[in-house]
Amino acid sequence: MSVAGTYNTTVKSPMGDQSGTLTINDNGDGTFSGNMAGGMGAMDIASGTIEGSTIKWSMDMTVPMPMKLDCEATIDGDTLTGTVNAGAFGAMPVSGTRA
């Protein structure tokens, strides 16, 4: 099954649960593009890679403070689980389901 799709996600952050929508567009060459949209705005995916059912990407957050987020997740059917590494704030769990 392709990893492409839209996922309703929750990141367990120090500021509480952050709900969002992760959109993954499979480029067909082991890479993907898309974005993450939520209550604090939208962030474009950069350097998205697909290895089997594992995806890795980064995003540049601007609100509430500028920070690079490094992310990794595994997709099993319609379920996404992984981590969002927020630098000094450490790794935060992310989970989601395909919409």
PDB file of N, CA and C in Angstrom:
ATOM      1  N   MET A   1       0.843  -1.190   0.000  1.00  0.00           N
ATOM      2  CA  MET A   1       0.000   0.000   0.000  1.00  0.00           C
ATOM      3  C   MET A   1       0.879   1.241   0.000  1.00  0.00           C
ATOM      4  N   SER A   2       0.489   2.224  -0.751  1.00  0.00           N
ATOM      5  CA  SER A   2       1.235   3.476  -0.828  1.00  0.00           C
ATOM      6  C   SER A   2       1.121   4.254   0.484  1.00  0.00           C
ATOM      7  N   VAL A   3       2.165   5.010   0.802  1.00  0.00           N
ATOM      8  CA  VAL A   3       2.132   5.863   1.988  1.00  0.00           C
ATOM      9  C   VAL A   3       1.379   7.161   1.704  1.00  0.00           C
ATOM     10  N   ALA A   4       1.103   7.427   0.422  1.00  0.00           N
ATOM     11  CA  ALA A   4       0.443   8.680   0.042  1.00  0.00           C
ATOM     12  C   ALA A   4      -0.942   8.775   0.669  1.00  0.00           C
ATOM     13  N   GLY A   5      -1.319  10.003   0.994  1.00  0.00           N
ATOM     14  CA  GLY A   5      -2.649  10.235   1.538  1.00  0.00           C
ATOM     15  C   GLY A   5      -2.664  11.393   2.494  1.00  0.00           C
ATOM     16  N   THR A   6      -3.807  11.561   3.120  1.00  0.00           N
ATOM     17  CA  THR A   6      -3.991  12.599   4.129  1.00  0.00           C
ATOM     18  C   THR A   6      -4.235  11.909   5.463  1.00  0.00           C
ATOM     19  N   TYR A   7      -3.504  12.325   6.473  1.00  0.00           N
ATOM     20  CA  TYR A   7      -3.588  11.713   7.791  1.00  0.00           C
ATOM     21  C   TYR A   7      -3.997  12.752   8.824  1.00  0.00           C
ATOM     22  N   ASN A   8      -4.950  12.401   9.676  1.00  0.00           N
ATOM     23  CA  ASN A   8      -5.314  13.234  10.815  1.00  0.00           C
ATOM     24  C   ASN A   8      -4.363  12.857  11.943  1.00  0.00           C
ATOM     25  N   THR A   9      -3.531  13.810  12.374  1.00  0.00           N
ATOM     26  CA  THR A   9      -2.449  13.505  13.301  1.00  0.00           C
ATOM     27  C   THR A   9      -2.589  14.245  14.627  1.00  0.00           C
ATOM     28  N   THR A  10      -1.896  13.697  15.633  1.00  0.00           N
ATOM     29  CA  THR A  10      -1.768  14.340  16.934  1.00  0.00           C
ATOM     30  C   THR A  10      -0.315  14.239  17.360  1.00  0.00           C
ATOM     31  N   VAL A  11       0.289  15.389  17.672  1.00  0.00           N
ATOM     32  CA  VAL A  11       1.646  15.442  18.218  1.00  0.00           C
ATOM     33  C   VAL A  11       1.518  15.751  19.697  1.00  0.00           C
ATOM     34  N   LYS A  12       2.149  14.925  20.539  1.00  0.00           N
ATOM     35  CA  LYS A  12       2.146  15.138  21.991  1.00  0.00           C
ATOM     36  C   LYS A  12       3.276  16.104  22.318  1.00  0.00           C
ATOM     37  N   SER A  13       2.972  17.406  22.353  1.00  0.00           N
ATOM     38  CA  SER A  13       4.002  18.422  22.552  1.00  0.00           C
ATOM     39  C   SER A  13       3.994  18.942  23.987  1.00  0.00           C
ATOM     40  N   PRO A  14       5.058  19.667  24.380  1.00  0.00           N
ATOM     41  CA  PRO A  14       5.078  20.271  25.715  1.00  0.00           C
ATOM     42  C   PRO A  14       3.939  21.278  25.917  1.00  0.00           C
ATOM     43  N   MET A  15       3.355  21.764  24.821  1.00  0.00           N
ATOM     44  CA  MET A  15       2.244  22.720  24.912  1.00  0.00           C
ATOM     45  C   MET A  15       0.894  22.008  24.816  1.00  0.00           C
ATOM     46  N   GLY A  16       0.889  20.700  24.990  1.00  0.00           N
ATOM     47  CA  GLY A  16      -0.342  19.924  24.890  1.00  0.00           C
ATOM     48  C   GLY A  16      -0.459  19.252  23.537  1.00  0.00           C
ATOM     49  N   ASP A  17      -1.521  18.491  23.360  1.00  0.00           N
ATOM     50  CA  ASP A  17      -1.752  17.782  22.103  1.00  0.00           C
ATOM     51  C   ASP A  17      -1.988  18.785  20.977  1.00  0.00           C
ATOM     52  N   GLN A  18      -1.258  18.606  19.868  1.00  0.00           N
ATOM     53  CA  GLN A  18      -1.393  19.465  18.697  1.00  0.00           C
ATOM     54  C   GLN A  18      -1.971  18.631  17.563  1.00  0.00           C
ATOM     55  N   SER A  19      -3.197  18.931  17.180  1.00  0.00           N
ATOM     56  CA  SER A  19      -3.854  18.214  16.086  1.00  0.00           C
ATOM     57  C   SER A  19      -3.492  18.857  14.757  1.00  0.00           C
ATOM     58  N   GLY A  20      -3.392  18.037  13.738  1.00  0.00           N
ATOM     59  CA  GLY A  20      -3.063  18.563  12.423  1.00  0.00           C
ATOM     60  C   GLY A  20      -3.443  17.597  11.328  1.00  0.00           C
ATOM     61  N   THR A  21      -3.205  18.033  10.106  1.00  0.00           N
ATOM     62  CA  THR A  21      -3.446  17.215   8.927  1.00  0.00           C
ATOM     63  C   THR A  21      -2.145  17.125   8.149  1.00  0.00           C
ATOM     64  N   LEU A  22      -1.636  15.908   8.005  1.00  0.00           N
ATOM     65  CA  LEU A  22      -0.407  15.648   7.260  1.00  0.00           C
ATOM     66  C   LEU A  22      -0.797  15.132   5.883  1.00  0.00           C
ATOM     67  N   THR A  23      -0.354  15.840   4.842  1.00  0.00           N
ATOM     68  CA  THR A  23      -0.618  15.424   3.467  1.00  0.00           C
ATOM     69  C   THR A  23       0.679  14.926   2.849  1.00  0.00           C
ATOM     70  N   ILE A  24       0.654  13.685   2.346  1.00  0.00           N
ATOM     71  CA  ILE A  24       1.827  13.050   1.748  1.00  0.00           C
ATOM     72  C   ILE A  24       1.543  12.783   0.276  1.00  0.00           C
ATOM     73  N   ASN A  25       2.380  13.341  -0.590  1.00  0.00           N
ATOM     74  CA  ASN A  25       2.296  13.111  -2.033  1.00  0.00           C
ATOM     75  C   ASN A  25       3.522  12.304  -2.454  1.00  0.00           C
ATOM     76  N   ASP A  26       3.314  11.025  -2.802  1.00  0.00           N
ATOM     77  CA  ASP A  26       4.409  10.146  -3.217  1.00  0.00           C
ATOM     78  C   ASP A  26       4.885  10.582  -4.608  1.00  0.00           C
ATOM     79  N   ASN A  27       6.170  10.953  -4.709  1.00  0.00           N
ATOM     80  CA  ASN A  27       6.733  11.401  -5.985  1.00  0.00           C
ATOM     81  C   ASN A  27       7.113  10.236  -6.905  1.00  0.00           C
ATOM     82  N   GLY A  28       7.017   8.989  -6.406  1.00  0.00           N
ATOM     83  CA  GLY A  28       7.287   7.817  -7.226  1.00  0.00           C
ATOM     84  C   GLY A  28       8.751   7.457  -7.379  1.00  0.00           C
ATOM     85  N   ASP A  29       9.629   8.188  -6.700  1.00  0.00           N
ATOM     86  CA  ASP A  29      11.064   7.927  -6.817  1.00  0.00           C
ATOM     87  C   ASP A  29      11.740   7.769  -5.452  1.00  0.00           C
ATOM     88  N   GLY A  30      10.959   7.351  -4.444  1.00  0.00           N
ATOM     89  CA  GLY A  30      11.504   7.202  -3.093  1.00  0.00           C
ATOM     90  C   GLY A  30      11.476   8.498  -2.301  1.00  0.00           C
ATOM     91  N   THR A  31      10.860   9.527  -2.863  1.00  0.00           N
ATOM     92  CA  THR A  31      10.727  10.798  -2.147  1.00  0.00           C
ATOM     93  C   THR A  31       9.251  11.186  -2.089  1.00  0.00           C
ATOM     94  N   PHE A  32       8.936  12.115  -1.192  1.00  0.00           N
ATOM     95  CA  PHE A  32       7.575  12.628  -1.126  1.00  0.00           C
ATOM     96  C   PHE A  32       7.597  14.105  -0.772  1.00  0.00           C
ATOM     97  N   SER A  33       6.493  14.758  -1.095  1.00  0.00           N
ATOM     98  CA  SER A  33       6.297  16.162  -0.752  1.00  0.00           C
ATOM     99  C   SER A  33       4.962  16.269  -0.031  1.00  0.00           C
ATOM    100  N   GLY A  34       4.626  17.452   0.419  1.00  0.00           N
ATOM    101  CA  GLY A  34       3.353  17.659   1.094  1.00  0.00           C
ATOM    102  C   GLY A  34       3.471  18.742   2.143  1.00  0.00           C
ATOM    103  N   ASN A  35       2.563  18.686   3.115  1.00  0.00           N
ATOM    104  CA  ASN A  35       2.607  19.662   4.196  1.00  0.00           C
ATOM    105  C   ASN A  35       1.891  19.148   5.427  1.00  0.00           C
ATOM    106  N   MET A  36       2.095  19.884   6.519  1.00  0.00           N
ATOM    107  CA  MET A  36       1.421  19.629   7.788  1.00  0.00           C
ATOM    108  C   MET A  36       0.696  20.918   8.138  1.00  0.00           C
ATOM    109  N   ALA A  37      -0.620  20.834   8.300  1.00  0.00           N
ATOM    110  CA  ALA A  37      -1.426  22.014   8.640  1.00  0.00           C
ATOM    111  C   ALA A  37      -2.120  21.771   9.968  1.00  0.00           C
ATOM    112  N   GLY A  38      -2.113  22.799  10.813  1.00  0.00           N
ATOM    113  CA  GLY A  38      -2.756  22.680  12.115  1.00  0.00           C
ATOM    114  C   GLY A  38      -3.104  24.041  12.675  1.00  0.00           C
ATOM    115  N   GLY A  39      -3.361  24.057  13.970  1.00  0.00           N
ATOM    116  CA  GLY A  39      -3.779  25.269  14.651  1.00  0.00           C
ATOM    117  C   GLY A  39      -2.759  26.389  14.622  1.00  0.00           C
ATOM    118  N   MET A  40      -1.495  26.062  14.384  1.00  0.00           N
ATOM    119  CA  MET A  40      -0.449  27.077  14.354  1.00  0.00           C
ATOM    120  C   MET A  40       0.015  27.369  12.934  1.00  0.00           C
ATOM    121  N   GLY A  41      -0.801  27.035  11.947  1.00  0.00           N
ATOM    122  CA  GLY A  41      -0.445  27.314  10.560  1.00  0.00           C
ATOM    123  C   GLY A  41      -0.026  26.061   9.821  1.00  0.00           C
ATOM    124  N   ALA A  42       0.597  26.258   8.661  1.00  0.00           N
ATOM    125  CA  ALA A  42       1.014  25.144   7.808  1.00  0.00           C
ATOM    126  C   ALA A  42       2.520  25.188   7.594  1.00  0.00           C
ATOM    127  N   MET A  43       3.112  24.000   7.464  1.00  0.00           N
ATOM    128  CA  MET A  43       4.540  23.871   7.195  1.00  0.00           C
ATOM    129  C   MET A  43       4.712  22.931   6.022  1.00  0.00           C
ATOM    130  N   ASP A  44       5.568  23.306   5.073  1.00  0.00           N
ATOM    131  CA  ASP A  44       5.865  22.441   3.937  1.00  0.00           C
ATOM    132  C   ASP A  44       6.869  21.371   4.348  1.00  0.00           C
ATOM    133  N   ILE A  45       6.724  20.182   3.763  1.00  0.00           N
ATOM    134  CA  ILE A  45       7.665  19.085   3.988  1.00  0.00           C
ATOM    135  C   ILE A  45       8.897  19.324   3.133  1.00  0.00           C
ATOM    136  N   ALA A  46      10.068  19.121   3.731  1.00  0.00           N
ATOM    137  CA  ALA A  46      11.336  19.197   3.006  1.00  0.00           C
ATOM    138  C   ALA A  46      12.057  17.862   3.164  1.00  0.00           C
ATOM    139  N   SER A  47      12.805  17.479   2.162  1.00  0.00           N
ATOM    140  CA  SER A  47      13.649  16.272   2.214  1.00  0.00           C
ATOM    141  C   SER A  47      12.870  15.021   2.590  1.00  0.00           C
ATOM    142  N   GLY A  48      11.665  14.858   2.064  1.00  0.00           N
ATOM    143  CA  GLY A  48      10.854  13.689   2.370  1.00  0.00           C
ATOM    144  C   GLY A  48      11.370  12.450   1.661  1.00  0.00           C
ATOM    145  N   THR A  49      11.634  11.374   2.423  1.00  0.00           N
ATOM    146  CA  THR A  49      12.079  10.111   1.835  1.00  0.00           C
ATOM    147  C   THR A  49      11.173   8.975   2.288  1.00  0.00           C
ATOM    148  N   ILE A  50      11.054   7.970   1.418  1.00  0.00           N
ATOM    149  CA  ILE A  50      10.256   6.777   1.703  1.00  0.00           C
ATOM    150  C   ILE A  50      11.164   5.565   1.583  1.00  0.00           C
ATOM    151  N   GLU A  51      11.217   4.756   2.649  1.00  0.00           N
ATOM    152  CA  GLU A  51      11.961   3.488   2.640  1.00  0.00           C
ATOM    153  C   GLU A  51      11.014   2.423   3.153  1.00  0.00           C
ATOM    154  N   GLY A  52      10.381   1.704   2.235  1.00  0.00           N
ATOM    155  CA  GLY A  52       9.387   0.715   2.634  1.00  0.00           C
ATOM    156  C   GLY A  52       8.185   1.419   3.230  1.00  0.00           C
ATOM    157  N   SER A  53       7.893   1.125   4.505  1.00  0.00           N
ATOM    158  CA  SER A  53       6.766   1.771   5.178  1.00  0.00           C
ATOM    159  C   SER A  53       7.223   2.897   6.105  1.00  0.00           C
ATOM    160  N   THR A  54       8.520   3.242   6.052  1.00  0.00           N
ATOM    161  CA  THR A  54       9.064   4.316   6.903  1.00  0.00           C
ATOM    162  C   THR A  54       9.258   5.578   6.082  1.00  0.00           C
ATOM    163  N   ILE A  55       8.788   6.689   6.629  1.00  0.00           N
ATOM    164  CA  ILE A  55       8.973   7.987   5.984  1.00  0.00           C
ATOM    165  C   ILE A  55       9.786   8.884   6.909  1.00  0.00           C
ATOM    166  N   LYS A  56      10.618   9.734   6.313  1.00  0.00           N
ATOM    167  CA  LYS A  56      11.419  10.700   7.060  1.00  0.00           C
ATOM    168  C   LYS A  56      11.311  12.035   6.351  1.00  0.00           C
ATOM    169  N   TRP A  57      11.228  13.122   7.137  1.00  0.00           N
ATOM    170  CA  TRP A  57      11.119  14.448   6.557  1.00  0.00           C
ATOM    171  C   TRP A  57      11.500  15.500   7.584  1.00  0.00           C
ATOM    172  N   SER A  58      11.640  16.726   7.107  1.00  0.00           N
ATOM    173  CA  SER A  58      11.869  17.852   8.016  1.00  0.00           C
ATOM    174  C   SER A  58      10.897  18.961   7.649  1.00  0.00           C
ATOM    175  N   MET A  59      10.675  19.852   8.613  1.00  0.00           N
ATOM    176  CA  MET A  59       9.794  21.002   8.419  1.00  0.00           C
ATOM    177  C   MET A  59      10.388  22.179   9.180  1.00  0.00           C
ATOM    178  N   ASP A  60      10.195  23.371   8.667  1.00  0.00           N
ATOM    179  CA  ASP A  60      10.636  24.581   9.352  1.00  0.00           C
ATOM    180  C   ASP A  60       9.438  25.242  10.009  1.00  0.00           C
ATOM    181  N   MET A  61       9.390  25.143  11.341  1.00  0.00           N
ATOM    182  CA  MET A  61       8.311  25.747  12.113  1.00  0.00           C
ATOM    183  C   MET A  61       8.631  27.223  12.336  1.00  0.00           C
ATOM    184  N   THR A  62       7.628  28.080  12.285  1.00  0.00           N
ATOM    185  CA  THR A  62       7.841  29.506  12.552  1.00  0.00           C
ATOM    186  C   THR A  62       7.049  29.982  13.765  1.00  0.00           C
ATOM    187  N   VAL A  63       5.941  29.299  14.111  1.00  0.00           N
ATOM    188  CA  VAL A  63       5.094  29.685  15.236  1.00  0.00           C
ATOM    189  C   VAL A  63       5.050  28.529  16.220  1.00  0.00           C
ATOM    190  N   PRO A  64       5.236  28.690  17.511  1.00  0.00           N
ATOM    191  CA  PRO A  64       5.413  29.961  18.201  1.00  0.00           C
ATOM    192  C   PRO A  64       6.849  30.483  18.171  1.00  0.00           C
ATOM    193  N   MET A  65       7.791  29.682  17.654  1.00  0.00           N
ATOM    194  CA  MET A  65       9.182  30.129  17.530  1.00  0.00           C
ATOM    195  C   MET A  65       9.823  29.402  16.358  1.00  0.00           C
ATOM    196  N   PRO A  66      10.794  30.027  15.693  1.00  0.00           N
ATOM    197  CA  PRO A  66      11.461  29.346  14.576  1.00  0.00           C
ATOM    198  C   PRO A  66      12.239  28.119  15.058  1.00  0.00           C
ATOM    199  N   MET A  67      12.037  26.993  14.381  1.00  0.00           N
ATOM    200  CA  MET A  67      12.712  25.754  14.766  1.00  0.00           C
ATOM    201  C   MET A  67      12.595  24.751  13.635  1.00  0.00           C
ATOM    202  N   LYS A  68      13.650  23.982  13.403  1.00  0.00           N
ATOM    203  CA  LYS A  68      13.596  22.901  12.426  1.00  0.00           C
ATOM    204  C   LYS A  68      13.106  21.645  13.143  1.00  0.00           C
ATOM    205  N   LEU A  69      12.136  20.988  12.552  1.00  0.00           N
ATOM    206  CA  LEU A  69      11.601  19.740  13.083  1.00  0.00           C
ATOM    207  C   LEU A  69      12.054  18.593  12.189  1.00  0.00           C
ATOM    208  N   ASP A  70      12.661  17.571  12.778  1.00  0.00           N
ATOM    209  CA  ASP A  70      13.061  16.371  12.048  1.00  0.00           C
ATOM    210  C   ASP A  70      12.109  15.257  12.451  1.00  0.00           C
ATOM    211  N   CYS A  71      11.472  14.640  11.458  1.00  0.00           N
ATOM    212  CA  CYS A  71      10.384  13.707  11.719  1.00  0.00           C
ATOM    213  C   CYS A  71      10.648  12.346  11.082  1.00  0.00           C
ATOM    214  N   GLU A  72      10.117  11.314  11.730  1.00  0.00           N
ATOM    215  CA  GLU A  72      10.181   9.954  11.197  1.00  0.00           C
ATOM    216  C   GLU A  72       8.925   9.228  11.636  1.00  0.00           C
ATOM    217  N   ALA A  73       8.332   8.460  10.730  1.00  0.00           N
ATOM    218  CA  ALA A  73       7.123   7.711  11.061  1.00  0.00           C
ATOM    219  C   ALA A  73       7.059   6.434  10.242  1.00  0.00           C
ATOM    220  N   THR A  74       6.336   5.472  10.789  1.00  0.00           N
ATOM    221  CA  THR A  74       6.053   4.220  10.101  1.00  0.00           C
ATOM    222  C   THR A  74       4.561   4.181   9.811  1.00  0.00           C
ATOM    223  N   ILE A  75       4.227   3.760   8.609  1.00  0.00           N
ATOM    224  CA  ILE A  75       2.827   3.655   8.221  1.00  0.00           C
ATOM    225  C   ILE A  75       2.489   2.182   8.074  1.00  0.00           C
ATOM    226  N   ASP A  76       1.473   1.755   8.846  1.00  0.00           N
ATOM    227  CA  ASP A  76       1.008   0.372   8.830  1.00  0.00           C
ATOM    228  C   ASP A  76      -0.470   0.406   8.469  1.00  0.00           C
ATOM    229  N   GLY A  77      -0.785   0.097   7.211  1.00  0.00           N
ATOM    230  CA  GLY A  77      -2.171   0.205   6.755  1.00  0.00           C
ATOM    231  C   GLY A  77      -2.582   1.665   6.735  1.00  0.00           C
ATOM    232  N   ASP A  78      -3.551   2.022   7.579  1.00  0.00           N
ATOM    233  CA  ASP A  78      -4.024   3.400   7.655  1.00  0.00           C
ATOM    234  C   ASP A  78      -3.556   4.105   8.923  1.00  0.00           C
ATOM    235  N   THR A  79      -2.560   3.514   9.629  1.00  0.00           N
ATOM    236  CA  THR A  79      -2.085   4.068  10.891  1.00  0.00           C
ATOM    237  C   THR A  79      -0.657   4.573  10.758  1.00  0.00           C
ATOM    238  N   LEU A  80      -0.420   5.752  11.287  1.00  0.00           N
ATOM    239  CA  LEU A  80       0.904   6.381  11.273  1.00  0.00           C
ATOM    240  C   LEU A  80       1.372   6.547  12.718  1.00  0.00           C
ATOM    241  N   THR A  81       2.611   6.125  13.022  1.00  0.00           N
ATOM    242  CA  THR A  81       3.196   6.347  14.342  1.00  0.00           C
ATOM    243  C   THR A  81       4.654   6.735  14.164  1.00  0.00           C
ATOM    244  N   GLY A  82       5.122   7.656  14.992  1.00  0.00           N
ATOM    245  CA  GLY A  82       6.509   8.076  14.880  1.00  0.00           C
ATOM    246  C   GLY A  82       6.864   9.152  15.870  1.00  0.00           C
ATOM    247  N   THR A  83       7.897   9.937  15.505  1.00  0.00           N
ATOM    248  CA  THR A  83       8.379  10.987  16.384  1.00  0.00           C
ATOM    249  C   THR A  83       8.668  12.257  15.594  1.00  0.00           C
ATOM    250  N   VAL A  84       8.517  13.373  16.294  1.00  0.00           N
ATOM    251  CA  VAL A  84       8.893  14.683  15.788  1.00  0.00           C
ATOM    252  C   VAL A  84       9.987  15.177  16.719  1.00  0.00           C
ATOM    253  N   ASN A  85      11.203  15.354  16.188  1.00  0.00           N
ATOM    254  CA  ASN A  85      12.313  15.822  17.011  1.00  0.00           C
ATOM    255  C   ASN A  85      12.374  17.343  16.907  1.00  0.00           C
ATOM    256  N   ALA A  86      12.191  17.998  18.055  1.00  0.00           N
ATOM    257  CA  ALA A  86      12.134  19.455  18.098  1.00  0.00           C
ATOM    258  C   ALA A  86      13.360  20.032  18.793  1.00  0.00           C
ATOM    259  N   GLY A  87      14.537  19.591  18.379  1.00  0.00           N
ATOM    260  CA  GLY A  87      15.784  20.147  18.903  1.00  0.00           C
ATOM    261  C   GLY A  87      15.873  20.063  20.416  1.00  0.00           C
ATOM    262  N   ALA A  88      16.028  21.208  21.065  1.00  0.00           N
ATOM    263  CA  ALA A  88      16.203  21.261  22.525  1.00  0.00           C
ATOM    264  C   ALA A  88      14.979  20.740  23.274  1.00  0.00           C
ATOM    265  N   PHE A  89      13.825  20.704  22.620  1.00  0.00           N
ATOM    266  CA  PHE A  89      12.608  20.208  23.273  1.00  0.00           C
ATOM    267  C   PHE A  89      12.492  18.697  23.194  1.00  0.00           C
ATOM    268  N   GLY A  90      13.408  18.048  22.476  1.00  0.00           N
ATOM    269  CA  GLY A  90      13.435  16.598  22.402  1.00  0.00           C
ATOM    270  C   GLY A  90      12.427  16.016  21.431  1.00  0.00           C
ATOM    271  N   ALA A  91      12.296  14.698  21.497  1.00  0.00           N
ATOM    272  CA  ALA A  91      11.413  13.972  20.577  1.00  0.00           C
ATOM    273  C   ALA A  91      10.008  13.899  21.159  1.00  0.00           C
ATOM    274  N   MET A  92       9.030  14.165  20.301  1.00  0.00           N
ATOM    275  CA  MET A  92       7.625  14.109  20.707  1.00  0.00           C
ATOM    276  C   MET A  92       6.923  13.049  19.873  1.00  0.00           C
ATOM    277  N   PRO A  93       6.080  12.214  20.488  1.00  0.00           N
ATOM    278  CA  PRO A  93       5.371  11.198  19.718  1.00  0.00           C
ATOM    279  C   PRO A  93       4.332  11.821  18.793  1.00  0.00           C
ATOM    280  N   VAL A  94       4.197  11.238  17.602  1.00  0.00           N
ATOM    281  CA  VAL A  94       3.143  11.625  16.662  1.00  0.00           C
ATOM    282  C   VAL A  94       2.400  10.365  16.259  1.00  0.00           C
ATOM    283  N   SER A  95       1.079  10.473  16.150  1.00  0.00           N
ATOM    284  CA  SER A  95       0.266   9.352  15.697  1.00  0.00           C
ATOM    285  C   SER A  95      -0.824   9.912  14.788  1.00  0.00           C
ATOM    286  N   GLY A  96      -1.367   9.052  13.962  1.00  0.00           N
ATOM    287  CA  GLY A  96      -2.427   9.499  13.083  1.00  0.00           C
ATOM    288  C   GLY A  96      -3.087   8.370  12.337  1.00  0.00           C
ATOM    289  N   THR A  97      -4.191   8.705  11.698  1.00  0.00           N
ATOM    290  CA  THR A  97      -4.923   7.742  10.869  1.00  0.00           C
ATOM    291  C   THR A  97      -5.225   8.385   9.520  1.00  0.00           C
ATOM    292  N   ARG A  98      -5.214   7.558   8.490  1.00  0.00           N
ATOM    293  CA  ARG A  98      -5.498   8.030   7.138  1.00  0.00           C
ATOM    294  C   ARG A  98      -6.961   8.484   7.081  1.00  0.00           C
ATOM    295  N   ALA A  99      -7.175   9.650   6.496  1.00  0.00           N
ATOM    296  CA  ALA A  99      -8.532  10.215   6.401  1.00  0.00           C
ATOM    297  C   ALA A  99      -9.321   9.526   5.311  1.00  0.00           C
TER     298      ALA A  99
END
